[in-house]
Amino acid sequence: MLPEFTNAPIDCKRKFHTSEVEENFNITDFWQWNQSNLLENRTRGILAEYLVMKALSLQSHSRKEWENWDLITSEGVKIEIKSASYIQSWRQSNYSNITFNIRETKRFNPDTNTYAGTLGRHSDVYIFCLLHCKDQSSIDPMDLNQWSFFIIPTAVLNQNLGGQKTIGLKRLNAMAHANCSFHQLKEAFQRVVDLLK
């Protein structure tokens, strides 16, 4: 079996190199080239995870792609994070319809590199992150006032939606235990977690 790859943070000034030469470009150059478009779906989803991590003051040195949930608190509460936006990074004739993926999956075992078990949702709580700005000229994913956060315990999703694969904004509003801003998220999350005890 191959040794596990270490997922340690990279020094932001570390340069690309060979054993003989250090190049004049570094990892920050790559990050800027690869992830400056924060509206792009994949990047926006990762940004949403980062924002939730910061709002909840969670300690995480780097993101793990293949976990069965996106974040976990020091108390062991597992969080699944989904994001959506009315405005996309491509040309649009209308705003995007807001839906979030809540598809059930099989549990992934990183030790054996296999999926196993029955379909399910493997977190304790879902946090849905909506970039709600509708103005192309002023949309800025780094403006925390342009985000709304909705919190639903996974058990509530399971009870009300079963194997449903998506949830729309109207149903989300009706079911959410909290609808809050970035700076309200930590307190709202704790209230929801207290209900799980």
N, C-alpha and C. Protein backbone atom coordinates (compact mmCIF):
# COMPACT_ATOMS: atom_id res chain seq x y z
N MET A 1 0.84 -1.19 0.00
CA MET A 1 0.00 0.00 0.00
C MET A 1 0.89 1.25 0.00
N LEU A 2 0.48 2.23 -0.77
CA LEU A 2 1.24 3.48 -0.84
C LEU A 2 1.09 4.27 0.45
N PRO A 3 2.09 5.05 0.84
CA PRO A 3 1.96 5.89 2.04
C PRO A 3 0.93 6.98 1.80
N GLU A 4 0.26 7.40 2.89
CA GLU A 4 -0.75 8.45 2.78
C GLU A 4 -0.10 9.80 2.50
N PHE A 5 -0.72 10.55 1.60
CA PHE A 5 -0.23 11.89 1.27
C PHE A 5 -0.52 12.83 2.44
N THR A 6 0.47 13.61 2.84
CA THR A 6 0.23 14.58 3.92
C THR A 6 -0.42 15.82 3.35
N ASN A 7 -1.44 16.28 4.03
CA ASN A 7 -2.24 17.41 3.55
C ASN A 7 -1.91 18.66 4.36
N ALA A 8 -0.62 18.93 4.52
CA ALA A 8 -0.19 20.07 5.32
C ALA A 8 -0.25 21.36 4.49
N PRO A 9 -0.51 22.48 5.13
CA PRO A 9 -0.54 23.76 4.40
C PRO A 9 0.81 24.07 3.74
N ILE A 10 0.75 24.68 2.57
CA ILE A 10 1.97 25.06 1.85
C ILE A 10 2.31 26.50 2.18
N ASP A 11 3.58 26.77 2.38
CA ASP A 11 4.05 28.14 2.56
C ASP A 11 3.66 28.94 1.31
N CYS A 12 2.95 30.05 1.49
CA CYS A 12 2.43 30.81 0.34
C CYS A 12 3.53 31.42 -0.53
N LYS A 13 4.76 31.43 -0.04
CA LYS A 13 5.87 31.96 -0.84
C LYS A 13 6.73 30.85 -1.46
N ARG A 14 6.34 29.60 -1.23
CA ARG A 14 7.14 28.48 -1.75
C ARG A 14 7.17 28.51 -3.27
N LYS A 15 8.35 28.39 -3.84
CA LYS A 15 8.51 28.48 -5.29
C LYS A 15 8.55 27.09 -5.93
N PHE A 16 8.10 27.05 -7.19
CA PHE A 16 8.28 25.83 -7.97
C PHE A 16 9.77 25.67 -8.26
N HIS A 17 10.20 24.42 -8.43
CA HIS A 17 11.63 24.17 -8.51
C HIS A 17 11.93 22.81 -9.13
N THR A 18 13.15 22.63 -9.48
CA THR A 18 13.72 21.31 -9.73
C THR A 18 14.78 21.11 -8.67
N SER A 19 15.49 20.00 -8.72
CA SER A 19 16.55 19.81 -7.72
C SER A 19 17.71 20.79 -7.94
N GLU A 20 17.77 21.39 -9.16
CA GLU A 20 18.88 22.29 -9.48
C GLU A 20 18.49 23.77 -9.47
N VAL A 21 17.22 24.07 -9.79
CA VAL A 21 16.84 25.47 -10.03
C VAL A 21 15.55 25.81 -9.30
N GLU A 22 15.52 26.99 -8.70
CA GLU A 22 14.30 27.54 -8.13
C GLU A 22 13.71 28.50 -9.15
N GLU A 23 12.45 28.28 -9.55
CA GLU A 23 11.81 29.11 -10.57
C GLU A 23 11.35 30.45 -9.97
N ASN A 24 10.92 31.37 -10.83
CA ASN A 24 10.52 32.70 -10.34
C ASN A 24 9.00 32.80 -10.14
N PHE A 25 8.31 31.67 -10.02
CA PHE A 25 6.88 31.68 -9.72
C PHE A 25 6.61 30.76 -8.53
N ASN A 26 5.62 31.16 -7.73
CA ASN A 26 5.38 30.41 -6.49
C ASN A 26 3.94 29.91 -6.41
N ILE A 27 3.62 29.28 -5.30
CA ILE A 27 2.30 28.68 -5.13
C ILE A 27 1.20 29.74 -5.11
N THR A 28 1.48 30.93 -4.61
CA THR A 28 0.48 32.00 -4.62
C THR A 28 0.15 32.40 -6.05
N ASP A 29 1.13 32.42 -6.92
CA ASP A 29 0.87 32.70 -8.34
C ASP A 29 -0.11 31.68 -8.91
N PHE A 30 0.09 30.41 -8.56
CA PHE A 30 -0.82 29.36 -9.03
C PHE A 30 -2.22 29.57 -8.46
N TRP A 31 -2.31 29.83 -7.16
CA TRP A 31 -3.62 30.03 -6.55
C TRP A 31 -4.35 31.20 -7.20
N GLN A 32 -3.65 32.29 -7.45
CA GLN A 32 -4.28 33.44 -8.11
C GLN A 32 -4.76 33.09 -9.50
N TRP A 33 -3.95 32.34 -10.24
CA TRP A 33 -4.33 31.93 -11.60
C TRP A 33 -5.52 30.98 -11.58
N ASN A 34 -5.53 30.07 -10.62
CA ASN A 34 -6.53 29.00 -10.60
C ASN A 34 -7.84 29.40 -9.92
N GLN A 35 -7.79 30.24 -8.90
CA GLN A 35 -8.97 30.44 -8.07
C GLN A 35 -9.40 31.89 -7.90
N SER A 36 -8.98 32.76 -8.76
CA SER A 36 -9.40 34.15 -8.63
C SER A 36 -10.86 34.37 -9.01
N ASN A 37 -11.43 33.48 -9.83
CA ASN A 37 -12.84 33.60 -10.20
C ASN A 37 -13.69 32.93 -9.13
N LEU A 38 -14.04 33.70 -8.10
CA LEU A 38 -14.77 33.16 -6.96
C LEU A 38 -16.22 32.84 -7.29
N LEU A 39 -16.72 33.29 -8.44
CA LEU A 39 -18.09 32.97 -8.85
C LEU A 39 -18.17 31.59 -9.50
N GLU A 40 -17.05 31.09 -10.00
CA GLU A 40 -17.06 29.78 -10.66
C GLU A 40 -17.56 28.73 -9.67
N ASN A 41 -18.45 27.86 -10.12
CA ASN A 41 -19.17 26.96 -9.21
C ASN A 41 -18.27 26.18 -8.26
N ARG A 42 -17.24 25.55 -8.79
CA ARG A 42 -16.36 24.73 -7.96
C ARG A 42 -15.67 25.59 -6.91
N THR A 43 -15.14 26.72 -7.33
CA THR A 43 -14.42 27.60 -6.41
C THR A 43 -15.37 28.22 -5.39
N ARG A 44 -16.57 28.63 -5.84
CA ARG A 44 -17.55 29.21 -4.91
C ARG A 44 -17.93 28.21 -3.82
N GLY A 45 -18.05 26.92 -4.19
CA GLY A 45 -18.38 25.90 -3.20
C GLY A 45 -17.29 25.75 -2.14
N ILE A 46 -16.05 25.78 -2.58
CA ILE A 46 -14.93 25.70 -1.64
C ILE A 46 -14.85 26.96 -0.79
N LEU A 47 -15.12 28.11 -1.40
CA LEU A 47 -15.15 29.37 -0.64
C LEU A 47 -16.23 29.32 0.44
N ALA A 48 -17.39 28.77 0.11
CA ALA A 48 -18.47 28.66 1.09
C ALA A 48 -18.02 27.82 2.29
N GLU A 49 -17.32 26.73 2.02
CA GLU A 49 -16.79 25.91 3.11
C GLU A 49 -15.84 26.73 3.99
N TYR A 50 -14.98 27.49 3.35
CA TYR A 50 -14.01 28.32 4.07
C TYR A 50 -14.73 29.37 4.93
N LEU A 51 -15.75 30.01 4.37
CA LEU A 51 -16.48 31.03 5.12
C LEU A 51 -17.17 30.43 6.35
N VAL A 52 -17.76 29.26 6.18
CA VAL A 52 -18.41 28.61 7.33
C VAL A 52 -17.36 28.26 8.38
N MET A 53 -16.23 27.72 7.95
CA MET A 53 -15.15 27.39 8.88
C MET A 53 -14.75 28.62 9.69
N LYS A 54 -14.59 29.75 9.01
CA LYS A 54 -14.18 30.98 9.70
C LYS A 54 -15.29 31.51 10.60
N ALA A 55 -16.53 31.50 10.12
CA ALA A 55 -17.65 32.00 10.93
C ALA A 55 -17.81 31.20 12.22
N LEU A 56 -17.57 29.88 12.14
CA LEU A 56 -17.73 29.02 13.31
C LEU A 56 -16.46 28.91 14.14
N SER A 57 -15.40 29.60 13.72
CA SER A 57 -14.10 29.56 14.43
C SER A 57 -13.56 28.14 14.56
N LEU A 58 -13.70 27.35 13.49
CA LEU A 58 -13.20 25.98 13.51
C LEU A 58 -11.71 25.98 13.16
N GLN A 59 -11.00 25.03 13.72
CA GLN A 59 -9.57 24.89 13.44
C GLN A 59 -9.37 23.82 12.38
N SER A 60 -8.90 24.23 11.23
CA SER A 60 -8.63 23.30 10.14
C SER A 60 -7.47 23.86 9.33
N HIS A 61 -6.39 23.10 9.21
CA HIS A 61 -5.20 23.61 8.54
C HIS A 61 -5.30 23.55 7.02
N SER A 62 -6.06 22.60 6.51
CA SER A 62 -6.25 22.51 5.07
C SER A 62 -7.49 21.66 4.78
N ARG A 63 -8.04 21.87 3.62
CA ARG A 63 -9.28 21.21 3.22
C ARG A 63 -9.01 19.77 2.83
N LYS A 64 -9.94 18.87 3.21
CA LYS A 64 -9.86 17.47 2.82
C LYS A 64 -11.00 17.18 1.85
N GLU A 65 -10.63 16.81 0.64
CA GLU A 65 -11.62 16.62 -0.43
C GLU A 65 -12.49 15.39 -0.23
N TRP A 66 -11.96 14.32 0.33
CA TRP A 66 -12.67 13.04 0.28
C TRP A 66 -13.30 12.63 1.60
N GLU A 67 -13.53 13.55 2.50
CA GLU A 67 -14.27 13.22 3.71
C GLU A 67 -15.75 13.00 3.37
N ASN A 68 -16.47 12.35 4.27
CA ASN A 68 -17.90 12.13 4.07
C ASN A 68 -18.74 13.33 4.50
N TRP A 69 -18.08 14.39 4.94
CA TRP A 69 -18.70 15.66 5.30
C TRP A 69 -17.66 16.74 5.03
N ASP A 70 -18.04 18.00 5.10
CA ASP A 70 -17.11 19.07 4.74
C ASP A 70 -16.30 19.60 5.92
N LEU A 71 -16.93 19.73 7.08
CA LEU A 71 -16.25 20.24 8.27
C LEU A 71 -16.71 19.44 9.48
N ILE A 72 -15.90 19.44 10.51
CA ILE A 72 -16.29 18.79 11.77
C ILE A 72 -15.84 19.68 12.92
N THR A 73 -16.70 19.85 13.92
CA THR A 73 -16.36 20.69 15.06
C THR A 73 -15.52 19.88 16.06
N SER A 74 -14.95 20.57 17.03
CA SER A 74 -14.14 19.89 18.04
C SER A 74 -15.00 18.94 18.88
N GLU A 75 -16.33 19.17 18.90
CA GLU A 75 -17.24 18.29 19.63
C GLU A 75 -17.72 17.13 18.76
N GLY A 76 -17.25 17.08 17.50
CA GLY A 76 -17.61 15.97 16.63
C GLY A 76 -18.86 16.17 15.79
N VAL A 77 -19.39 17.39 15.74
CA VAL A 77 -20.57 17.67 14.90
C VAL A 77 -20.11 17.77 13.45
N LYS A 78 -20.65 16.91 12.61
CA LYS A 78 -20.26 16.85 11.20
C LYS A 78 -21.17 17.76 10.37
N ILE A 79 -20.56 18.58 9.51
CA ILE A 79 -21.29 19.61 8.77
C ILE A 79 -21.12 19.39 7.27
N GLU A 80 -22.23 19.37 6.56
CA GLU A 80 -22.23 19.36 5.09
C GLU A 80 -22.58 20.76 4.61
N ILE A 81 -21.82 21.27 3.64
CA ILE A 81 -22.00 22.65 3.18
C ILE A 81 -22.32 22.64 1.69
N LYS A 82 -23.36 23.38 1.32
CA LYS A 82 -23.77 23.51 -0.08
C LYS A 82 -23.85 24.99 -0.42
N SER A 83 -23.57 25.33 -1.68
CA SER A 83 -23.64 26.74 -2.07
C SER A 83 -24.41 26.91 -3.36
N ALA A 84 -24.94 28.11 -3.54
CA ALA A 84 -25.64 28.48 -4.78
C ALA A 84 -25.54 29.99 -4.95
N SER A 85 -25.80 30.45 -6.18
CA SER A 85 -25.74 31.87 -6.49
C SER A 85 -26.72 32.19 -7.61
N TYR A 86 -27.33 33.36 -7.55
CA TYR A 86 -28.20 33.81 -8.64
C TYR A 86 -27.37 34.15 -9.88
N ILE A 87 -26.15 34.65 -9.66
CA ILE A 87 -25.29 35.09 -10.76
C ILE A 87 -24.13 34.11 -10.90
N GLN A 88 -23.84 33.74 -12.14
CA GLN A 88 -22.77 32.79 -12.44
C GLN A 88 -21.62 33.51 -13.14
N SER A 89 -20.56 32.77 -13.39
CA SER A 89 -19.40 33.38 -14.03
C SER A 89 -19.53 33.38 -15.55
N TRP A 90 -20.59 32.78 -16.08
CA TRP A 90 -20.83 32.81 -17.53
C TRP A 90 -21.95 33.78 -17.87
N ARG A 91 -22.13 34.09 -19.14
CA ARG A 91 -23.18 35.02 -19.58
C ARG A 91 -24.55 34.39 -19.35
N GLN A 92 -25.45 35.14 -18.74
CA GLN A 92 -26.78 34.63 -18.42
C GLN A 92 -27.86 35.54 -19.02
N SER A 93 -28.99 34.94 -19.39
CA SER A 93 -30.15 35.73 -19.80
C SER A 93 -31.10 35.92 -18.62
N ASN A 94 -31.02 35.03 -17.63
CA ASN A 94 -31.84 35.11 -16.42
C ASN A 94 -31.01 34.69 -15.22
N TYR A 95 -31.48 35.03 -14.04
CA TYR A 95 -30.82 34.56 -12.83
C TYR A 95 -30.94 33.04 -12.74
N SER A 96 -29.98 32.42 -12.10
CA SER A 96 -30.04 30.98 -11.87
C SER A 96 -31.14 30.66 -10.88
N ASN A 97 -31.82 29.55 -11.13
CA ASN A 97 -32.80 29.03 -10.18
C ASN A 97 -32.04 28.45 -9.00
N ILE A 98 -32.40 28.83 -7.80
CA ILE A 98 -31.65 28.39 -6.63
C ILE A 98 -32.11 27.01 -6.18
N THR A 99 -31.24 26.04 -6.35
CA THR A 99 -31.44 24.69 -5.83
C THR A 99 -30.11 24.20 -5.25
N PHE A 100 -30.21 23.37 -4.25
CA PHE A 100 -29.04 22.82 -3.59
C PHE A 100 -29.07 21.29 -3.69
N ASN A 101 -27.93 20.69 -3.91
CA ASN A 101 -27.81 19.24 -3.98
C ASN A 101 -27.86 18.65 -2.57
N ILE A 102 -28.80 17.74 -2.33
CA ILE A 102 -28.87 17.03 -1.04
C ILE A 102 -28.88 15.52 -1.28
N ARG A 103 -28.33 15.11 -2.40
CA ARG A 103 -28.32 13.70 -2.81
C ARG A 103 -27.68 12.82 -1.73
N GLU A 104 -28.28 11.68 -1.47
CA GLU A 104 -27.69 10.69 -0.58
C GLU A 104 -26.52 10.01 -1.29
N THR A 105 -25.52 9.62 -0.53
CA THR A 105 -24.34 8.96 -1.09
C THR A 105 -23.97 7.76 -0.24
N LYS A 106 -23.10 6.93 -0.78
CA LYS A 106 -22.53 5.85 0.02
C LYS A 106 -21.31 6.40 0.75
N ARG A 107 -21.08 5.87 1.94
CA ARG A 107 -19.95 6.33 2.75
C ARG A 107 -18.62 5.90 2.10
N PHE A 108 -17.68 6.85 2.03
CA PHE A 108 -16.36 6.58 1.46
C PHE A 108 -15.39 6.24 2.58
N ASN A 109 -14.62 5.18 2.38
CA ASN A 109 -13.60 4.79 3.34
C ASN A 109 -12.23 5.11 2.74
N PRO A 110 -11.56 6.18 3.21
CA PRO A 110 -10.28 6.56 2.62
C PRO A 110 -9.16 5.54 2.89
N ASP A 111 -9.32 4.71 3.91
CA ASP A 111 -8.30 3.70 4.22
C ASP A 111 -8.30 2.58 3.20
N THR A 112 -9.49 2.25 2.65
CA THR A 112 -9.59 1.17 1.67
C THR A 112 -9.88 1.69 0.27
N ASN A 113 -10.12 3.02 0.15
CA ASN A 113 -10.42 3.63 -1.15
C ASN A 113 -11.67 3.01 -1.78
N THR A 114 -12.68 2.75 -0.93
CA THR A 114 -13.91 2.13 -1.41
C THR A 114 -15.13 2.85 -0.84
N TYR A 115 -16.25 2.68 -1.55
CA TYR A 115 -17.55 3.16 -1.07
C TYR A 115 -18.31 1.95 -0.55
N ALA A 116 -19.01 2.13 0.55
CA ALA A 116 -19.71 0.99 1.14
C ALA A 116 -20.98 1.44 1.84
N GLY A 117 -21.82 0.46 2.14
CA GLY A 117 -23.04 0.73 2.90
C GLY A 117 -24.18 1.19 2.03
N THR A 118 -25.26 1.53 2.69
CA THR A 118 -26.45 2.00 1.99
C THR A 118 -26.35 3.51 1.76
N LEU A 119 -27.18 4.00 0.86
CA LEU A 119 -27.21 5.44 0.61
C LEU A 119 -27.67 6.18 1.85
N GLY A 120 -27.09 7.35 2.09
CA GLY A 120 -27.48 8.16 3.23
C GLY A 120 -26.82 9.52 3.20
N ARG A 121 -27.16 10.35 4.17
CA ARG A 121 -26.51 11.64 4.38
C ARG A 121 -25.67 11.50 5.65
N HIS A 122 -24.39 11.78 5.57
CA HIS A 122 -23.45 11.36 6.60
C HIS A 122 -23.07 12.47 7.58
N SER A 123 -23.69 13.62 7.46
CA SER A 123 -23.39 14.72 8.39
C SER A 123 -24.49 14.80 9.44
N ASP A 124 -24.28 15.66 10.42
CA ASP A 124 -25.30 15.94 11.44
C ASP A 124 -26.13 17.16 11.07
N VAL A 125 -25.50 18.09 10.36
CA VAL A 125 -26.13 19.38 10.04
C VAL A 125 -25.75 19.77 8.62
N TYR A 126 -26.70 20.38 7.91
CA TYR A 126 -26.42 20.98 6.60
C TYR A 126 -26.43 22.50 6.77
N ILE A 127 -25.45 23.17 6.16
CA ILE A 127 -25.47 24.63 6.08
C ILE A 127 -25.50 24.99 4.59
N PHE A 128 -26.56 25.68 4.19
CA PHE A 128 -26.74 26.10 2.80
C PHE A 128 -26.32 27.56 2.69
N CYS A 129 -25.42 27.85 1.77
CA CYS A 129 -24.82 29.18 1.63
C CYS A 129 -25.27 29.79 0.31
N LEU A 130 -25.99 30.87 0.39
CA LEU A 130 -26.53 31.53 -0.81
C LEU A 130 -25.84 32.88 -1.02
N LEU A 131 -25.17 33.01 -2.15
CA LEU A 131 -24.63 34.30 -2.57
C LEU A 131 -25.80 35.02 -3.23
N HIS A 132 -26.48 35.89 -2.46
CA HIS A 132 -27.79 36.39 -2.87
C HIS A 132 -27.77 37.66 -3.72
N CYS A 133 -26.62 38.25 -3.98
CA CYS A 133 -26.56 39.48 -4.77
C CYS A 133 -27.10 39.22 -6.18
N LYS A 134 -27.87 40.17 -6.70
CA LYS A 134 -28.45 40.05 -8.04
C LYS A 134 -27.98 41.16 -8.98
N ASP A 135 -26.88 41.78 -8.64
CA ASP A 135 -26.36 42.88 -9.46
C ASP A 135 -24.98 42.49 -10.01
N GLN A 136 -24.91 42.30 -11.33
CA GLN A 136 -23.66 41.90 -11.96
C GLN A 136 -22.52 42.88 -11.67
N SER A 137 -22.84 44.16 -11.60
CA SER A 137 -21.80 45.18 -11.45
C SER A 137 -21.22 45.25 -10.04
N SER A 138 -21.97 44.74 -9.05
CA SER A 138 -21.48 44.86 -7.67
C SER A 138 -21.29 43.52 -6.96
N ILE A 139 -21.57 42.40 -7.65
CA ILE A 139 -21.42 41.12 -6.97
C ILE A 139 -19.96 40.91 -6.58
N ASP A 140 -19.77 40.49 -5.34
CA ASP A 140 -18.42 40.30 -4.80
C ASP A 140 -18.49 39.21 -3.73
N PRO A 141 -18.10 37.97 -4.06
CA PRO A 141 -18.16 36.88 -3.08
C PRO A 141 -17.35 37.13 -1.82
N MET A 142 -16.45 38.12 -1.83
CA MET A 142 -15.69 38.44 -0.62
C MET A 142 -16.42 39.44 0.28
N ASP A 143 -17.54 39.98 -0.21
CA ASP A 143 -18.38 40.86 0.61
C ASP A 143 -19.32 39.98 1.41
N LEU A 144 -19.07 39.83 2.69
CA LEU A 144 -19.81 38.90 3.53
C LEU A 144 -21.27 39.29 3.68
N ASN A 145 -21.61 40.55 3.40
CA ASN A 145 -23.01 40.97 3.44
C ASN A 145 -23.82 40.42 2.26
N GLN A 146 -23.14 39.89 1.26
CA GLN A 146 -23.85 39.34 0.09
C GLN A 146 -24.18 37.86 0.26
N TRP A 147 -23.90 37.30 1.42
CA TRP A 147 -24.17 35.89 1.68
C TRP A 147 -25.30 35.72 2.71
N SER A 148 -26.13 34.70 2.50
CA SER A 148 -27.12 34.26 3.49
C SER A 148 -26.86 32.79 3.80
N PHE A 149 -27.11 32.40 5.03
CA PHE A 149 -26.82 31.03 5.48
C PHE A 149 -28.08 30.42 6.10
N PHE A 150 -28.37 29.19 5.71
CA PHE A 150 -29.54 28.46 6.21
C PHE A 150 -29.05 27.17 6.85
N ILE A 151 -29.56 26.86 8.03
CA ILE A 151 -29.10 25.68 8.77
C ILE A 151 -30.26 24.71 8.96
N ILE A 152 -30.04 23.45 8.62
CA ILE A 152 -31.05 22.40 8.81
C ILE A 152 -30.35 21.16 9.35
N PRO A 153 -30.85 20.60 10.46
CA PRO A 153 -30.31 19.32 10.91
C PRO A 153 -30.55 18.25 9.83
N THR A 154 -29.58 17.38 9.64
CA THR A 154 -29.72 16.33 8.63
C THR A 154 -30.94 15.46 8.89
N ALA A 155 -31.24 15.19 10.15
CA ALA A 155 -32.40 14.36 10.49
C ALA A 155 -33.70 14.98 9.97
N VAL A 156 -33.77 16.31 9.95
CA VAL A 156 -34.97 17.00 9.45
C VAL A 156 -35.07 16.81 7.93
N LEU A 157 -33.95 16.90 7.23
CA LEU A 157 -33.96 16.62 5.79
C LEU A 157 -34.41 15.19 5.53
N ASN A 158 -33.85 14.25 6.27
CA ASN A 158 -34.20 12.85 6.08
C ASN A 158 -35.68 12.60 6.33
N GLN A 159 -36.21 13.19 7.39
CA GLN A 159 -37.60 12.96 7.76
C GLN A 159 -38.56 13.58 6.75
N ASN A 160 -38.24 14.77 6.25
CA ASN A 160 -39.17 15.48 5.38
C ASN A 160 -38.94 15.24 3.89
N LEU A 161 -37.72 14.92 3.50
CA LEU A 161 -37.42 14.81 2.08
C LEU A 161 -36.93 13.44 1.64
N GLY A 162 -36.65 12.55 2.59
CA GLY A 162 -36.24 11.19 2.25
C GLY A 162 -35.10 11.18 1.25
N GLY A 163 -35.29 10.48 0.14
CA GLY A 163 -34.25 10.35 -0.87
C GLY A 163 -34.23 11.44 -1.91
N GLN A 164 -34.96 12.52 -1.68
CA GLN A 164 -34.99 13.63 -2.65
C GLN A 164 -33.56 14.13 -2.91
N LYS A 165 -33.28 14.51 -4.16
CA LYS A 165 -31.91 14.84 -4.55
C LYS A 165 -31.57 16.32 -4.46
N THR A 166 -32.57 17.19 -4.47
CA THR A 166 -32.32 18.63 -4.40
C THR A 166 -33.37 19.28 -3.50
N ILE A 167 -33.06 20.49 -3.07
CA ILE A 167 -34.01 21.31 -2.33
C ILE A 167 -33.96 22.72 -2.90
N GLY A 168 -35.13 23.30 -3.13
CA GLY A 168 -35.21 24.66 -3.64
C GLY A 168 -35.30 25.68 -2.52
N LEU A 169 -35.20 26.94 -2.89
CA LEU A 169 -35.13 28.00 -1.89
C LEU A 169 -36.42 28.13 -1.08
N LYS A 170 -37.58 27.98 -1.72
CA LYS A 170 -38.85 28.11 -0.99
C LYS A 170 -38.96 27.05 0.10
N ARG A 171 -38.65 25.81 -0.24
CA ARG A 171 -38.72 24.72 0.75
C ARG A 171 -37.63 24.91 1.81
N LEU A 172 -36.49 25.37 1.38
CA LEU A 172 -35.39 25.61 2.33
C LEU A 172 -35.79 26.66 3.36
N ASN A 173 -36.39 27.75 2.90
CA ASN A 173 -36.86 28.80 3.81
C ASN A 173 -37.87 28.26 4.81
N ALA A 174 -38.75 27.37 4.35
CA ALA A 174 -39.79 26.83 5.23
C ALA A 174 -39.20 25.87 6.26
N MET A 175 -38.14 25.15 5.90
CA MET A 175 -37.60 24.11 6.78
C MET A 175 -36.43 24.56 7.64
N ALA A 176 -35.77 25.63 7.27
CA ALA A 176 -34.53 26.03 7.94
C ALA A 176 -34.77 26.36 9.41
N HIS A 177 -33.89 25.88 10.26
CA HIS A 177 -33.92 26.23 11.68
C HIS A 177 -33.30 27.60 11.91
N ALA A 178 -32.55 28.08 10.93
CA ALA A 178 -31.96 29.42 11.01
C ALA A 178 -31.73 29.93 9.60
N ASN A 179 -31.95 31.23 9.42
CA ASN A 179 -31.63 31.96 8.19
C ASN A 179 -30.89 33.19 8.67
N CYS A 180 -29.58 33.25 8.40
CA CYS A 180 -28.79 34.27 9.08
C CYS A 180 -27.68 34.81 8.19
N SER A 181 -27.02 35.84 8.69
CA SER A 181 -25.87 36.44 8.02
C SER A 181 -24.59 35.75 8.49
N PHE A 182 -23.48 36.12 7.89
CA PHE A 182 -22.19 35.56 8.27
C PHE A 182 -21.92 35.76 9.76
N HIS A 183 -22.12 36.96 10.26
CA HIS A 183 -21.77 37.26 11.65
C HIS A 183 -22.78 36.69 12.65
N GLN A 184 -23.92 36.23 12.18
CA GLN A 184 -24.90 35.56 13.05
C GLN A 184 -24.75 34.05 13.03
N LEU A 185 -23.92 33.55 12.12
CA LEU A 185 -23.89 32.11 11.86
C LEU A 185 -23.42 31.29 13.06
N LYS A 186 -22.42 31.75 13.76
CA LYS A 186 -21.88 30.97 14.88
C LYS A 186 -22.94 30.75 15.96
N GLU A 187 -23.60 31.81 16.34
CA GLU A 187 -24.63 31.70 17.38
C GLU A 187 -25.81 30.86 16.90
N ALA A 188 -26.23 31.06 15.65
CA ALA A 188 -27.35 30.29 15.10
C ALA A 188 -27.00 28.81 15.02
N PHE A 189 -25.77 28.51 14.60
CA PHE A 189 -25.32 27.12 14.51
C PHE A 189 -25.35 26.47 15.89
N GLN A 190 -24.88 27.17 16.90
CA GLN A 190 -24.87 26.60 18.25
C GLN A 190 -26.27 26.31 18.74
N ARG A 191 -27.23 27.18 18.42
CA ARG A 191 -28.62 26.93 18.81
C ARG A 191 -29.13 25.64 18.17
N VAL A 192 -28.80 25.44 16.90
CA VAL A 192 -29.24 24.22 16.21
C VAL A 192 -28.56 22.99 16.80
N VAL A 193 -27.27 23.09 17.08
CA VAL A 193 -26.54 21.97 17.67
C VAL A 193 -27.12 21.61 19.03
N ASP A 194 -27.50 22.61 19.82
CA ASP A 194 -28.10 22.34 21.13
C ASP A 194 -29.38 21.54 21.00
N LEU A 195 -30.12 21.72 19.91
CA LEU A 195 -31.35 20.95 19.70
C LEU A 195 -31.06 19.48 19.40
N LEU A 196 -29.84 19.20 18.91
CA LEU A 196 -29.50 17.83 18.57
C LEU A 196 -29.14 17.00 19.80
N LYS A 197 -28.87 17.65 20.91
CA LYS A 197 -28.42 16.93 22.11
C LYS A 197 -29.58 16.22 22.80
